[in-house]
């Protein structure tokens, strides 16, 4: 059932009054339709601590495509001060799993960072007790929840603590790698972050890459170019996941539509996603999808052509380095490569965002589910911290998925 169906559109936003005047919010409102709070959202976004994945444009495109395809229910939480001005917005989706109903941040695995939007002074004034009270009130205002589960939350954003991360149960399985860009010295940025050995290897790869023809870094902005780059990205991803023996999370049509909508410029606003392709003689050999917010560029996904000799020259890595230089010249101050471990991330980046998970049960069923979910995340973190255990887990996952595929064909 959709969020709009659960709450008649003609009813006003539900509100829950804070129990303490000392808290930095006076009221909590729940909106099922984000269009009803677009003006507030965009106004807060302009001054807020916000990741690219909670921008109005990114969330709106996700809700309209992936959310609609999966009949997701959304609850966008607005916390206002005594003057009625929005100080925080938490974009949430309601998930049902194993008989449990819980709220989580919008985006799932397609969003690297899960966080609310916060006015800086608001976030700085919230301590752990206030954060716990805030989430309890949000749960009561939404109603019928067994808990709130927030994963992959940055502990800090722009030097300010993330309120919902203050009551985290522990670190997320993976961190997120990033690179601070030195304005006016883009080559110096990479020299600082990459070892001499890594730079020499990249130079050798680039020399071999040049032998395949003339290359161009292209940003897709026109409809035809957007379609071409999306086609290349999805085709390259399909080959990659098939080789790994795991399901392709980009295969469903709604994801294609999300990429298209989010990368298409609006009449008065820039698109939340940017699509790039490294072309050789007009053919895409690597692609990059990034989310943009303020002076930060966040890598969402990358792919490269695995089925040609050019793959041996690491075209994805060449594209990434060229894109970092491009963004450095454009005034971007932070370039992150998203959540998860990969050799190219540690090669290029010299810093990372620490991520944590918060589990707040609201019922007895919620407590049991929170314990189960937390245990799974702890196990995943331990596996990822051991190269041998990770290799065994990846092989087992690939074998199980191939077996499922064979059984389905039979």
Protein backbone atom coordinates (compact mmCIF):
# COMPACT_ATOMS: atom_id res chain seq x y z
CA UNK A 1 0.00 0.00 0.00
CA UNK A 2 1.33 3.42 -0.88
CA UNK A 3 1.94 6.16 1.64
CA UNK A 4 -0.78 8.30 0.08
CA UNK A 5 -3.28 5.46 0.36
CA UNK A 6 -2.55 4.99 4.05
CA UNK A 7 -3.19 8.67 4.80
CA UNK A 8 -5.95 10.47 2.85
CA UNK A 9 -4.46 13.28 0.80
CA UNK A 10 -6.93 15.81 2.16
CA UNK A 11 -5.78 15.46 5.75
CA UNK A 12 -3.21 17.91 7.18
CA UNK A 13 0.30 16.80 8.07
CA UNK A 14 0.35 14.77 11.27
CA UNK A 15 2.07 16.59 14.14
CA UNK A 16 3.62 15.48 17.43
CA UNK A 17 4.55 18.05 20.07
CA UNK A 18 7.91 17.83 21.79
CA UNK A 19 7.79 16.96 25.47
CA UNK A 20 10.50 19.40 26.43
CA UNK A 21 10.83 23.07 25.57
CA UNK A 22 14.62 22.74 25.94
CA UNK A 23 14.88 20.56 22.86
CA UNK A 24 15.81 22.27 19.60
CA UNK A 25 12.51 21.30 17.94
CA UNK A 26 9.00 22.37 18.85
CA UNK A 27 6.97 20.10 16.57
CA UNK A 28 7.34 17.03 14.38
CA UNK A 29 5.32 16.72 11.16
CA UNK A 30 5.00 13.67 8.91
CA UNK A 31 4.48 14.18 5.16
CA UNK A 32 3.60 11.27 2.87
CA UNK A 33 3.85 13.44 -0.24
CA UNK A 34 7.21 15.19 -0.50
CA UNK A 35 5.82 17.75 -2.96
CA UNK A 36 3.89 19.24 0.00
CA UNK A 37 7.18 20.22 1.64
CA UNK A 38 9.32 20.94 -1.43
CA UNK A 39 9.77 24.64 -0.64
CA UNK A 40 10.83 23.89 2.96
CA UNK A 41 13.08 21.06 1.82
CA UNK A 42 14.93 23.14 -0.76
CA UNK A 43 15.26 26.08 1.63
CA UNK A 44 16.74 23.87 4.35
CA UNK A 45 18.94 22.03 1.84
CA UNK A 46 20.58 25.32 0.86
CA UNK A 47 21.99 25.76 4.36
CA UNK A 48 21.89 22.28 5.86
CA UNK A 49 24.30 19.51 6.64
CA UNK A 50 23.15 17.13 3.91
CA UNK A 51 24.69 14.37 1.82
CA UNK A 52 23.98 14.20 -1.93
CA UNK A 53 21.57 11.33 -1.27
CA UNK A 54 19.12 13.42 0.72
CA UNK A 55 18.87 16.31 -1.73
CA UNK A 56 15.30 16.96 -2.86
CA UNK A 57 16.16 16.08 -6.46
CA UNK A 58 17.79 12.73 -5.63
CA UNK A 59 15.01 11.62 -3.29
CA UNK A 60 12.24 12.81 -5.62
CA UNK A 61 13.69 10.85 -8.55
CA UNK A 62 14.07 7.72 -6.40
CA UNK A 63 10.52 7.99 -5.03
CA UNK A 64 9.05 8.48 -8.52
CA UNK A 65 10.86 5.50 -10.05
CA UNK A 66 12.23 2.77 -7.76
CA UNK A 67 9.79 3.71 -5.01
CA UNK A 68 6.79 3.60 -7.33
CA UNK A 69 7.88 0.31 -8.92
CA UNK A 70 8.12 -1.37 -5.51
CA UNK A 71 5.05 0.35 -4.04
CA UNK A 72 7.15 1.81 -1.22
CA UNK A 73 5.54 3.87 1.54
CA UNK A 74 7.38 7.09 2.36
CA UNK A 75 7.27 9.23 5.49
CA UNK A 76 9.25 12.47 5.30
CA UNK A 77 9.76 13.85 8.81
CA UNK A 78 9.98 17.61 9.36
CA UNK A 79 11.17 19.03 12.68
CA UNK A 80 10.34 22.72 13.17
CA UNK A 81 11.37 25.28 15.75
CA UNK A 82 9.12 27.63 17.73
CA UNK A 83 8.90 29.99 14.74
CA UNK A 84 7.68 27.15 12.51
CA UNK A 85 10.93 27.02 10.49
CA UNK A 86 12.19 23.59 9.42
CA UNK A 87 15.39 22.67 11.25
CA UNK A 88 15.63 19.04 10.15
CA UNK A 89 14.12 16.68 7.59
CA UNK A 90 14.48 12.90 7.69
CA UNK A 91 13.41 11.21 4.41
CA UNK A 92 12.21 7.75 5.47
CA UNK A 93 10.65 4.71 3.87
CA UNK A 94 8.54 2.12 5.73
CA UNK A 95 9.80 -1.43 5.26
CA UNK A 96 8.03 -4.70 6.12
CA UNK A 97 10.27 -7.69 6.72
CA UNK A 98 9.58 -10.96 8.58
CA UNK A 99 6.44 -9.46 10.08
CA UNK A 100 8.32 -6.39 11.33
CA UNK A 101 7.44 -2.82 10.28
CA UNK A 102 10.35 -0.40 10.56
CA UNK A 103 11.52 2.92 9.16
CA UNK A 104 14.82 3.44 7.35
CA UNK A 105 16.36 6.18 5.24
CA UNK A 106 15.30 6.45 1.61
CA UNK A 107 17.58 4.93 -1.02
CA UNK A 108 18.63 1.57 0.39
CA UNK A 109 21.73 0.21 -1.33
CA UNK A 110 21.55 2.87 -4.02
CA UNK A 111 22.44 5.56 -1.44
CA UNK A 112 25.95 5.40 0.00
CA UNK A 113 25.26 7.74 2.92
CA UNK A 114 22.12 7.57 5.08
CA UNK A 115 21.43 10.74 7.05
CA UNK A 116 18.87 13.48 7.62
CA UNK A 117 19.12 17.13 6.61
CA UNK A 118 20.02 19.32 9.59
CA UNK A 119 20.50 23.01 10.14
CA UNK A 120 24.08 23.18 11.51
CA UNK A 121 23.08 24.84 14.82
CA UNK A 122 20.30 22.29 15.29
CA UNK A 123 22.65 19.34 14.77
CA UNK A 124 25.29 20.82 17.08
CA UNK A 125 22.70 21.23 19.87
CA UNK A 126 21.48 17.61 19.84
CA UNK A 127 23.17 15.26 22.30
CA UNK A 128 22.64 11.50 22.61
CA UNK A 129 19.66 11.85 24.99
CA UNK A 130 17.97 14.36 22.69
CA UNK A 131 18.67 12.16 19.66
CA UNK A 132 17.04 9.19 21.37
CA UNK A 133 14.03 11.30 22.36
CA UNK A 134 13.79 12.71 18.84
CA UNK A 135 13.68 9.26 17.24
CA UNK A 136 11.17 7.99 19.82
CA UNK A 137 8.89 10.92 19.02
CA UNK A 138 9.31 10.33 15.31
CA UNK A 139 8.36 6.67 15.76
CA UNK A 140 5.25 7.69 17.73
CA UNK A 141 4.30 10.32 15.14
CA UNK A 142 4.55 7.83 12.26
CA UNK A 143 2.71 5.18 14.28
CA UNK A 144 2.65 1.40 14.05
CA UNK A 145 6.42 0.96 13.87
CA UNK A 146 8.38 -1.80 15.53
CA UNK A 147 11.60 0.16 15.23
CA UNK A 148 13.91 2.46 13.30
CA UNK A 149 16.97 1.03 11.57
CA UNK A 150 19.53 3.49 10.20
CA UNK A 151 22.65 1.99 8.58
CA UNK A 152 25.72 3.51 6.89
CA UNK A 153 25.41 6.82 8.72
CA UNK A 154 28.41 9.17 8.70
CA UNK A 155 29.45 9.99 12.24
CA UNK A 156 30.30 13.57 11.20
CA UNK A 157 29.34 15.82 8.32
CA UNK A 158 31.21 19.04 7.60
CA UNK A 159 32.78 18.78 11.04
CA UNK A 160 29.47 18.52 12.93
CA UNK A 161 28.28 15.30 14.65
CA UNK A 162 25.38 13.53 12.94
CA UNK A 163 22.54 13.44 15.54
CA UNK A 164 21.21 9.94 14.78
CA UNK A 165 24.75 8.53 14.78
CA UNK A 166 25.22 9.58 18.42
CA UNK A 167 23.24 6.54 19.60
CA UNK A 168 24.78 4.05 17.18
CA UNK A 169 25.15 0.41 18.13
CA UNK A 170 28.50 0.14 16.39
CA UNK A 171 30.44 0.71 13.18
CA UNK A 172 29.01 -0.27 9.79
CA UNK A 173 30.62 -3.17 7.93
CA UNK A 174 32.43 -0.74 5.60
CA UNK A 175 33.62 2.84 5.57
CA UNK A 176 33.51 5.32 2.71
CA UNK A 177 36.66 6.58 1.01
CA UNK A 178 37.16 10.24 0.16
CA UNK A 179 39.69 12.75 -1.08
CA UNK A 180 40.01 16.46 -0.21
CA UNK A 181 40.80 18.40 -3.37
CA UNK A 182 43.48 21.10 -3.22
CA UNK A 183 42.05 23.99 -5.20
CA UNK A 184 44.45 25.26 -7.82
CA UNK A 185 46.72 22.22 -7.50
CA UNK A 186 44.86 19.23 -8.91
CA UNK A 187 48.02 17.31 -9.82
CA UNK A 188 49.32 18.04 -6.34
CA UNK A 189 46.17 16.51 -4.84
CA UNK A 190 46.82 13.19 -6.56
CA UNK A 191 50.52 13.36 -5.79
CA UNK A 192 49.61 13.78 -2.11
CA UNK A 193 47.12 10.92 -2.01
CA UNK A 194 48.72 8.37 -4.35
CA UNK A 195 52.03 6.68 -3.80
CA UNK A 196 54.85 7.13 -6.30
CA UNK A 197 54.48 3.47 -7.26
CA UNK A 198 50.73 3.88 -7.92
CA UNK A 199 51.32 6.97 -10.05
CA UNK A 200 53.96 5.18 -12.10
CA UNK A 201 51.64 2.21 -12.71
CA UNK A 202 48.84 4.56 -13.76
CA UNK A 203 51.18 6.37 -16.18
CA UNK A 204 52.14 3.05 -17.78
CA UNK A 205 48.47 2.06 -18.09
CA UNK A 206 47.63 5.41 -19.63
CA UNK A 207 50.41 4.99 -22.21
CA UNK A 208 49.04 1.57 -23.21
CA UNK A 209 45.49 2.96 -23.18
CA UNK A 210 46.50 5.70 -25.63
CA UNK A 211 47.38 3.02 -28.15
CA UNK A 212 43.72 2.08 -28.60
CA UNK A 213 42.77 5.43 -30.12
CA UNK A 214 41.68 8.95 -29.28
CA UNK A 215 39.91 9.19 -25.94
CA UNK A 216 37.46 11.78 -24.58
CA UNK A 217 35.84 12.27 -21.17
CA UNK A 218 32.18 13.04 -21.88
CA UNK A 219 29.47 14.29 -19.53
CA UNK A 220 26.01 13.21 -20.70
CA UNK A 221 23.60 16.15 -20.56
CA UNK A 222 21.43 15.88 -23.66
CA UNK A 223 18.70 13.18 -23.79
CA UNK A 224 20.36 11.10 -26.50
CA UNK A 225 23.74 11.21 -24.75
CA UNK A 226 22.15 10.32 -21.41
CA UNK A 227 20.53 7.26 -23.01
CA UNK A 228 23.80 6.22 -24.64
CA UNK A 229 25.79 6.40 -21.41
CA UNK A 230 23.07 4.62 -19.41
CA UNK A 231 23.00 1.86 -22.04
CA UNK A 232 26.78 1.45 -21.75
CA UNK A 233 26.73 1.56 -17.95
CA UNK A 234 23.98 -1.06 -17.63
CA UNK A 235 25.53 -3.37 -20.21
CA UNK A 236 28.94 -3.19 -18.57
CA UNK A 237 27.40 -3.78 -15.13
CA UNK A 238 25.44 -6.80 -16.38
CA UNK A 239 28.61 -8.48 -17.63
CA UNK A 240 30.39 -7.70 -14.35
CA UNK A 241 27.68 -9.15 -12.10
CA UNK A 242 27.25 -12.20 -14.30
CA UNK A 243 30.97 -12.90 -13.98
CA UNK A 244 30.69 -12.54 -10.21
CA UNK A 245 27.69 -14.89 -10.10
CA UNK A 246 25.53 -12.45 -8.14
CA UNK A 247 22.23 -10.68 -8.96
CA UNK A 248 22.52 -7.40 -10.84
CA UNK A 249 20.93 -4.62 -8.71
CA UNK A 250 20.83 -2.32 -11.76
CA UNK A 251 18.88 -4.71 -13.98
CA UNK A 252 15.33 -3.62 -13.16
CA UNK A 253 13.72 -1.04 -15.47
CA UNK A 254 12.97 1.31 -12.55
CA UNK A 255 16.70 1.80 -11.94
CA UNK A 256 17.22 2.82 -15.57
CA UNK A 257 14.37 5.31 -15.21
CA UNK A 258 15.85 6.63 -11.96
CA UNK A 259 19.20 7.26 -13.65
CA UNK A 260 17.47 8.97 -16.57
CA UNK A 261 15.28 11.22 -14.43
CA UNK A 262 18.00 12.12 -11.94
CA UNK A 263 20.52 12.97 -14.67
CA UNK A 264 18.16 15.11 -16.77
CA UNK A 265 18.52 18.86 -16.11
CA UNK A 266 15.41 20.66 -14.87
CA UNK A 267 14.13 24.04 -15.95
CA UNK A 268 15.66 25.89 -12.99
CA UNK A 269 17.75 23.37 -11.05
CA UNK A 270 20.79 21.24 -11.78
CA UNK A 271 20.29 17.45 -11.86
CA UNK A 272 21.30 15.56 -8.71
CA UNK A 273 23.16 12.95 -10.77
CA UNK A 274 25.93 13.36 -13.31
CA UNK A 275 26.79 10.68 -15.88
CA UNK A 276 30.25 10.43 -17.41
CA UNK A 277 31.74 8.21 -20.07
CA UNK A 278 35.32 7.65 -21.16
CA UNK A 279 35.02 7.20 -24.93
CA UNK A 280 37.58 5.78 -27.30
CA UNK A 281 36.78 6.64 -30.91
CA UNK A 282 33.19 7.31 -29.88
CA UNK A 283 32.68 4.04 -27.95
CA UNK A 284 32.21 3.99 -24.17
CA UNK A 285 34.89 1.94 -22.43
CA UNK A 286 34.13 3.12 -18.88
CA UNK A 287 31.35 5.03 -17.14
CA UNK A 288 30.85 6.87 -13.87
CA UNK A 289 27.68 7.89 -12.01
CA UNK A 290 28.03 10.60 -9.36
CA UNK A 291 25.70 12.47 -7.01
CA UNK A 292 26.31 16.16 -6.44
CA UNK A 293 25.56 18.33 -3.42
CA UNK A 294 27.14 21.72 -2.89
CA UNK A 295 30.90 21.42 -3.23
CA UNK A 296 30.95 17.64 -2.77
CA UNK A 297 30.90 15.01 -5.51
CA UNK A 298 29.96 11.48 -4.44
CA UNK A 299 30.71 8.49 -6.62
CA UNK A 300 27.63 6.24 -6.80
CA UNK A 301 28.71 3.59 -9.30
CA UNK A 302 31.31 2.90 -11.95
CA UNK A 303 31.73 0.33 -14.71
CA UNK A 304 34.07 -0.56 -17.56
CA UNK A 305 34.11 -2.73 -20.66
CA UNK A 306 35.33 -6.14 -19.51
CA UNK A 307 35.03 -7.79 -22.92
CA UNK A 308 37.83 -6.09 -24.83
CA UNK A 309 41.60 -5.86 -24.60
CA UNK A 310 41.26 -2.29 -23.37
CA UNK A 311 40.15 -3.64 -19.97
CA UNK A 312 43.79 -4.54 -19.23
CA UNK A 313 44.65 -0.82 -19.14
CA UNK A 314 42.17 -0.09 -16.30
CA UNK A 315 39.96 2.42 -18.17
CA UNK A 316 37.76 2.86 -15.10
CA UNK A 317 40.74 4.06 -13.08
CA UNK A 318 41.84 6.40 -15.87
CA UNK A 319 38.32 7.85 -16.07
CA UNK A 320 38.25 8.38 -12.30
CA UNK A 321 41.56 10.24 -12.18
CA UNK A 322 40.50 12.46 -15.09
CA UNK A 323 37.18 13.15 -13.38
CA UNK A 324 38.90 14.07 -10.11
CA UNK A 325 41.01 16.61 -11.99
CA UNK A 326 37.92 17.97 -13.76
CA UNK A 327 36.06 18.43 -10.47
CA UNK A 328 39.08 19.98 -8.80
CA UNK A 329 39.23 22.65 -11.51
CA UNK A 330 35.43 23.14 -11.15
CA UNK A 331 35.74 24.06 -7.45
CA UNK A 332 34.65 20.77 -5.86
CA UNK A 333 36.36 20.43 -2.47
CA UNK A 334 35.58 16.80 -1.57
CA UNK A 335 35.37 13.80 -3.88
CA UNK A 336 34.20 10.54 -2.30
CA UNK A 337 34.11 7.08 -3.81
CA UNK A 338 31.23 5.73 -1.75
CA UNK A 339 30.89 2.81 0.64
CA UNK A 340 32.82 -0.42 0.34
CA UNK A 341 36.32 -1.77 -0.07
CA UNK A 342 38.14 -1.77 -3.40
CA UNK A 343 41.78 -1.56 -4.37
CA UNK A 344 41.30 1.51 -6.56
CA UNK A 345 39.69 3.37 -3.64
CA UNK A 346 42.62 2.87 -1.29
CA UNK A 347 45.01 3.66 -4.15
CA UNK A 348 43.47 7.06 -4.87
CA UNK A 349 42.02 8.22 -1.54
CA UNK A 350 43.88 9.16 1.63
CA UNK A 351 40.90 9.63 3.96
CA UNK A 352 37.55 8.07 4.78
CA UNK A 353 34.20 8.76 6.41
CA UNK A 354 33.51 6.48 9.35
CA UNK A 355 30.00 5.01 9.18
CA UNK A 356 27.83 3.59 11.96
CA UNK A 357 24.52 1.75 12.38
CA UNK A 358 21.67 2.73 14.72
CA UNK A 359 18.94 0.30 15.80
CA UNK A 360 16.11 1.76 17.88
CA UNK A 361 13.42 -0.82 18.76
CA UNK A 362 9.96 0.44 19.71
CA UNK A 363 8.21 -2.87 20.47
CA UNK A 364 9.11 -6.33 21.73
CA UNK A 365 9.15 -7.60 18.15
CA UNK A 366 11.33 -4.65 17.25
CA UNK A 367 13.84 -5.52 19.96
CA UNK A 368 14.22 -9.06 18.66
CA UNK A 369 14.58 -7.84 15.08
CA UNK A 370 17.09 -5.15 16.09
CA UNK A 371 19.25 -7.78 17.83
CA UNK A 372 19.07 -10.00 14.75
CA UNK A 373 19.89 -7.12 12.37
CA UNK A 374 22.76 -5.91 14.52
CA UNK A 375 24.24 -9.41 14.70
CA UNK A 376 24.12 -9.68 10.90
CA UNK A 377 25.92 -6.36 10.49
CA UNK A 378 28.59 -7.36 13.03
CA UNK A 379 29.16 -10.65 11.20
CA UNK A 380 29.40 -8.83 7.88
CA UNK A 381 31.95 -6.40 9.33
CA UNK A 382 34.08 -9.25 10.64
CA UNK A 383 34.02 -11.02 7.28
CA UNK A 384 34.98 -7.83 5.44
CA UNK A 385 37.87 -7.21 7.83
CA UNK A 386 39.39 -10.60 6.91
CA UNK A 387 40.58 -10.97 3.28
CA UNK A 388 40.39 -14.77 3.52
CA UNK A 389 36.90 -14.79 5.04
CA UNK A 390 35.71 -12.26 2.45
CA UNK A 391 37.07 -14.36 -0.42
CA UNK A 392 35.35 -17.49 0.92
CA UNK A 393 32.06 -15.60 1.43
CA UNK A 394 32.16 -14.19 -2.12
CA UNK A 395 32.80 -17.63 -3.59
CA UNK A 396 29.97 -19.14 -1.53
CA UNK A 397 27.60 -16.35 -2.58
CA UNK A 398 28.46 -16.84 -6.23
CA UNK A 399 27.97 -20.61 -5.97
CA UNK A 400 24.57 -20.22 -4.27
CA UNK A 401 23.36 -17.70 -6.85
CA UNK A 402 24.47 -19.89 -9.76
CA UNK A 403 22.70 -22.87 -8.15
CA UNK A 404 19.50 -20.83 -7.73
CA UNK A 405 19.71 -19.80 -11.38
CA UNK A 406 20.12 -23.44 -12.51
CA UNK A 407 17.17 -24.56 -10.36
CA UNK A 408 15.02 -21.76 -11.78
CA UNK A 409 15.83 -22.88 -15.34
CA UNK A 410 14.98 -26.50 -14.48
